[in-house]
């Protein structure tokens, strides 16, 4: 991974010293693609997290969605937890994936709790 110092040395060698990309790559030990990328951006590009799909879940998402839909009508204490959903998928349907994959999907799909509203006005005291 290139640091800001690497970016600066590549840009200085190209713009100030007039060296070619190939020569810079050879001297600094980077590939020509890396040198081109460093010249393209003035600063290192920010890290972008890729959103991973859930390929292992595949057909199991319909089952999870159905369970969560049924849970909306049940009392709160009788609803499925993520752990219980994972256990049922594994035991009843032969799911071979990980708990974390199920947890990520359920947390993305499951509705969040109700929004809490607290009034910010204070009660005024009446003058006596």
C-alpha atoms as a PDB file:
ATOM      1  CA  UNK A   1       0.000   0.000   0.000  1.00  0.00           C
ATOM      2  CA  UNK A   2       1.297   3.409  -0.901  1.00  0.00           C
ATOM      3  CA  UNK A   3       1.731   6.044   1.746  1.00  0.00           C
ATOM      4  CA  UNK A   4       1.487   9.783   1.214  1.00  0.00           C
ATOM      5  CA  UNK A   5       5.294   9.902   1.060  1.00  0.00           C
ATOM      6  CA  UNK A   6       5.302   7.394  -1.804  1.00  0.00           C
ATOM      7  CA  UNK A   7       2.744   9.461  -3.669  1.00  0.00           C
ATOM      8  CA  UNK A   8       4.823  12.570  -3.228  1.00  0.00           C
ATOM      9  CA  UNK A   9       8.087  10.961  -4.340  1.00  0.00           C
ATOM     10  CA  UNK A  10       6.408   9.514  -7.456  1.00  0.00           C
ATOM     11  CA  UNK A  11       4.789  12.833  -8.349  1.00  0.00           C
ATOM     12  CA  UNK A  12       8.026  14.754  -7.741  1.00  0.00           C
ATOM     13  CA  UNK A  13      10.037  12.361  -9.919  1.00  0.00           C
ATOM     14  CA  UNK A  14       7.508  12.627 -12.739  1.00  0.00           C
ATOM     15  CA  UNK A  15       6.665  16.330 -12.702  1.00  0.00           C
ATOM     16  CA  UNK A  16       9.870  17.922 -11.407  1.00  0.00           C
ATOM     17  CA  UNK A  17      12.635  15.557 -12.500  1.00  0.00           C
ATOM     18  CA  UNK A  18      10.923  14.594 -15.775  1.00  0.00           C
ATOM     19  CA  UNK A  19      11.387  10.841 -15.351  1.00  0.00           C
ATOM     20  CA  UNK A  20       9.219   8.368 -17.245  1.00  0.00           C
ATOM     21  CA  UNK A  21       6.697   6.149 -15.506  1.00  0.00           C
ATOM     22  CA  UNK A  22       8.719   3.090 -16.369  1.00  0.00           C
ATOM     23  CA  UNK A  23      11.890   4.583 -14.916  1.00  0.00           C
ATOM     24  CA  UNK A  24      10.074   5.629 -11.709  1.00  0.00           C
ATOM     25  CA  UNK A  25       8.587   2.151 -11.366  1.00  0.00           C
ATOM     26  CA  UNK A  26      12.018   0.564 -11.766  1.00  0.00           C
ATOM     27  CA  UNK A  27      13.779   2.906  -9.319  1.00  0.00           C
ATOM     28  CA  UNK A  28      11.123   2.839  -6.587  1.00  0.00           C
ATOM     29  CA  UNK A  29      10.173  -0.810  -6.966  1.00  0.00           C
ATOM     30  CA  UNK A  30       6.499  -0.284  -7.795  1.00  0.00           C
ATOM     31  CA  UNK A  31       4.570  -1.518 -10.812  1.00  0.00           C
ATOM     32  CA  UNK A  32       3.807   0.843 -13.669  1.00  0.00           C
ATOM     33  CA  UNK A  33       0.096   0.601 -12.848  1.00  0.00           C
ATOM     34  CA  UNK A  34       0.816   1.755  -9.304  1.00  0.00           C
ATOM     35  CA  UNK A  35       2.863   4.669 -10.587  1.00  0.00           C
ATOM     36  CA  UNK A  36       0.051   5.628 -12.988  1.00  0.00           C
ATOM     37  CA  UNK A  37      -2.467   5.448 -10.172  1.00  0.00           C
ATOM     38  CA  UNK A  38      -0.281   7.657  -7.986  1.00  0.00           C
ATOM     39  CA  UNK A  39      -0.038  10.219 -10.774  1.00  0.00           C
ATOM     40  CA  UNK A  40      -3.778  10.135 -11.348  1.00  0.00           C
ATOM     41  CA  UNK A  41      -4.661  11.201  -7.789  1.00  0.00           C
ATOM     42  CA  UNK A  42      -3.161  14.149  -5.933  1.00  0.00           C
ATOM     43  CA  UNK A  43      -3.699  12.335  -2.624  1.00  0.00           C
ATOM     44  CA  UNK A  44      -4.276   8.658  -1.918  1.00  0.00           C
ATOM     45  CA  UNK A  45      -7.848   7.638  -2.723  1.00  0.00           C
ATOM     46  CA  UNK A  46      -9.979   6.968   0.359  1.00  0.00           C
ATOM     47  CA  UNK A  47     -10.708   3.436   1.450  1.00  0.00           C
ATOM     48  CA  UNK A  48     -14.024   2.183   0.126  1.00  0.00           C
ATOM     49  CA  UNK A  49     -15.623  -0.730   1.824  1.00  0.00           C
ATOM     50  CA  UNK A  50     -17.176  -3.166  -0.585  1.00  0.00           C
ATOM     51  CA  UNK A  51     -20.600  -4.445   0.303  1.00  0.00           C
ATOM     52  CA  UNK A  52     -20.458  -8.199   0.231  1.00  0.00           C
ATOM     53  CA  UNK A  53     -23.504 -10.020  -1.092  1.00  0.00           C
ATOM     54  CA  UNK A  54     -24.795 -13.030   0.799  1.00  0.00           C
ATOM     55  CA  UNK A  55     -24.103 -15.838  -1.710  1.00  0.00           C
ATOM     56  CA  UNK A  56     -24.130 -18.597   0.900  1.00  0.00           C
ATOM     57  CA  UNK A  57     -27.612 -17.625   2.083  1.00  0.00           C
ATOM     58  CA  UNK A  58     -29.087 -17.880  -1.414  1.00  0.00           C
ATOM     59  CA  UNK A  59     -32.459 -19.601  -1.059  1.00  0.00           C
ATOM     60  CA  UNK A  60     -32.434 -19.331   2.727  1.00  0.00           C
ATOM     61  CA  UNK A  61     -33.288 -15.625   2.623  1.00  0.00           C
ATOM     62  CA  UNK A  62     -36.920 -16.433   1.803  1.00  0.00           C
ATOM     63  CA  UNK A  63     -37.114 -18.677   4.878  1.00  0.00           C
ATOM     64  CA  UNK A  64     -35.578 -16.006   7.119  1.00  0.00           C
ATOM     65  CA  UNK A  65     -37.926 -13.353   5.729  1.00  0.00           C
ATOM     66  CA  UNK A  66     -40.929 -15.596   6.385  1.00  0.00           C
ATOM     67  CA  UNK A  67     -39.823 -16.231   9.995  1.00  0.00           C
ATOM     68  CA  UNK A  68     -39.296 -12.527  10.623  1.00  0.00           C
ATOM     69  CA  UNK A  69     -42.701 -11.739   9.131  1.00  0.00           C
ATOM     70  CA  UNK A  70     -44.352 -14.317  11.410  1.00  0.00           C
ATOM     71  CA  UNK A  71     -42.471 -12.861  14.394  1.00  0.00           C
ATOM     72  CA  UNK A  72     -44.157  -9.487  13.962  1.00  0.00           C
ATOM     73  CA  UNK A  73     -47.459 -11.001  15.130  1.00  0.00           C
ATOM     74  CA  UNK A  74     -45.951 -12.845  18.090  1.00  0.00           C
ATOM     75  CA  UNK A  75     -45.308 -11.471  21.566  1.00  0.00           C
ATOM     76  CA  UNK A  76     -41.862  -9.958  21.966  1.00  0.00           C
ATOM     77  CA  UNK A  77     -40.471 -12.758  24.132  1.00  0.00           C
ATOM     78  CA  UNK A  78     -41.437 -15.422  21.581  1.00  0.00           C
ATOM     79  CA  UNK A  79     -39.685 -13.880  18.588  1.00  0.00           C
ATOM     80  CA  UNK A  80     -36.619 -15.371  16.918  1.00  0.00           C
ATOM     81  CA  UNK A  81     -33.189 -14.159  17.896  1.00  0.00           C
ATOM     82  CA  UNK A  82     -30.367 -14.240  15.372  1.00  0.00           C
ATOM     83  CA  UNK A  83     -28.857 -17.202  17.187  1.00  0.00           C
ATOM     84  CA  UNK A  84     -32.126 -19.123  17.029  1.00  0.00           C
ATOM     85  CA  UNK A  85     -32.545 -18.339  13.328  1.00  0.00           C
ATOM     86  CA  UNK A  86     -29.039 -19.638  12.660  1.00  0.00           C
ATOM     87  CA  UNK A  87     -29.674 -22.814  14.679  1.00  0.00           C
ATOM     88  CA  UNK A  88     -32.954 -23.533  12.887  1.00  0.00           C
ATOM     89  CA  UNK A  89     -31.390 -22.966   9.476  1.00  0.00           C
ATOM     90  CA  UNK A  90     -28.528 -25.283  10.327  1.00  0.00           C
ATOM     91  CA  UNK A  91     -30.614 -28.039  11.925  1.00  0.00           C
ATOM     92  CA  UNK A  92     -33.831 -27.987   9.889  1.00  0.00           C
ATOM     93  CA  UNK A  93     -32.632 -26.861   6.471  1.00  0.00           C
ATOM     94  CA  UNK A  94     -28.972 -27.969   6.289  1.00  0.00           C
ATOM     95  CA  UNK A  95     -27.452 -24.482   6.137  1.00  0.00           C
ATOM     96  CA  UNK A  96     -23.647 -24.742   5.935  1.00  0.00           C
ATOM     97  CA  UNK A  97     -22.739 -21.054   6.181  1.00  0.00           C
ATOM     98  CA  UNK A  98     -21.558 -19.046   9.158  1.00  0.00           C
ATOM     99  CA  UNK A  99     -23.449 -17.341  11.955  1.00  0.00           C
ATOM    100  CA  UNK A 100     -21.994 -13.946  10.989  1.00  0.00           C
ATOM    101  CA  UNK A 101     -23.526 -14.126   7.503  1.00  0.00           C
ATOM    102  CA  UNK A 102     -26.958 -14.805   8.973  1.00  0.00           C
ATOM    103  CA  UNK A 103     -26.508 -12.046  11.573  1.00  0.00           C
ATOM    104  CA  UNK A 104     -25.524  -9.496   8.923  1.00  0.00           C
ATOM    105  CA  UNK A 105     -28.537 -10.335   6.799  1.00  0.00           C
ATOM    106  CA  UNK A 106     -31.007 -10.325   9.704  1.00  0.00           C
ATOM    107  CA  UNK A 107     -29.709  -7.010  11.060  1.00  0.00           C
ATOM    108  CA  UNK A 108     -30.028  -5.475   7.610  1.00  0.00           C
ATOM    109  CA  UNK A 109     -33.583  -6.744   7.083  1.00  0.00           C
ATOM    110  CA  UNK A 110     -35.021  -6.618  10.590  1.00  0.00           C
ATOM    111  CA  UNK A 111     -36.803  -3.362  11.353  1.00  0.00           C
ATOM    112  CA  UNK A 112     -35.138  -1.133  13.898  1.00  0.00           C
ATOM    113  CA  UNK A 113     -36.801  -0.253  17.179  1.00  0.00           C
ATOM    114  CA  UNK A 114     -39.232   2.603  17.516  1.00  0.00           C
ATOM    115  CA  UNK A 115     -37.826   6.096  17.449  1.00  0.00           C
ATOM    116  CA  UNK A 116     -37.755   7.691  20.858  1.00  0.00           C
ATOM    117  CA  UNK A 117     -38.953  11.241  21.228  1.00  0.00           C
ATOM    118  CA  UNK A 118     -38.146  13.327  24.248  1.00  0.00           C
ATOM    119  CA  UNK A 119     -39.457  16.879  24.395  1.00  0.00           C
ATOM    120  CA  UNK A 120     -36.716  19.406  24.973  1.00  0.00           C
ATOM    121  CA  UNK A 121     -38.854  22.181  26.397  1.00  0.00           C
ATOM    122  CA  UNK A 122     -38.869  22.719  30.098  1.00  0.00           C
ATOM    123  CA  UNK A 123     -42.026  23.440  31.967  1.00  0.00           C
ATOM    124  CA  UNK A 124     -42.356  27.059  32.949  1.00  0.00           C
ATOM    125  CA  UNK A 125     -42.981  27.872  36.539  1.00  0.00           C
ATOM    126  CA  UNK A 126     -45.942  30.108  37.116  1.00  0.00           C
ATOM    127  CA  UNK A 127     -45.287  33.307  38.984  1.00  0.00           C
ATOM    128  CA  UNK A 128     -46.999  33.431  42.345  1.00  0.00           C
END
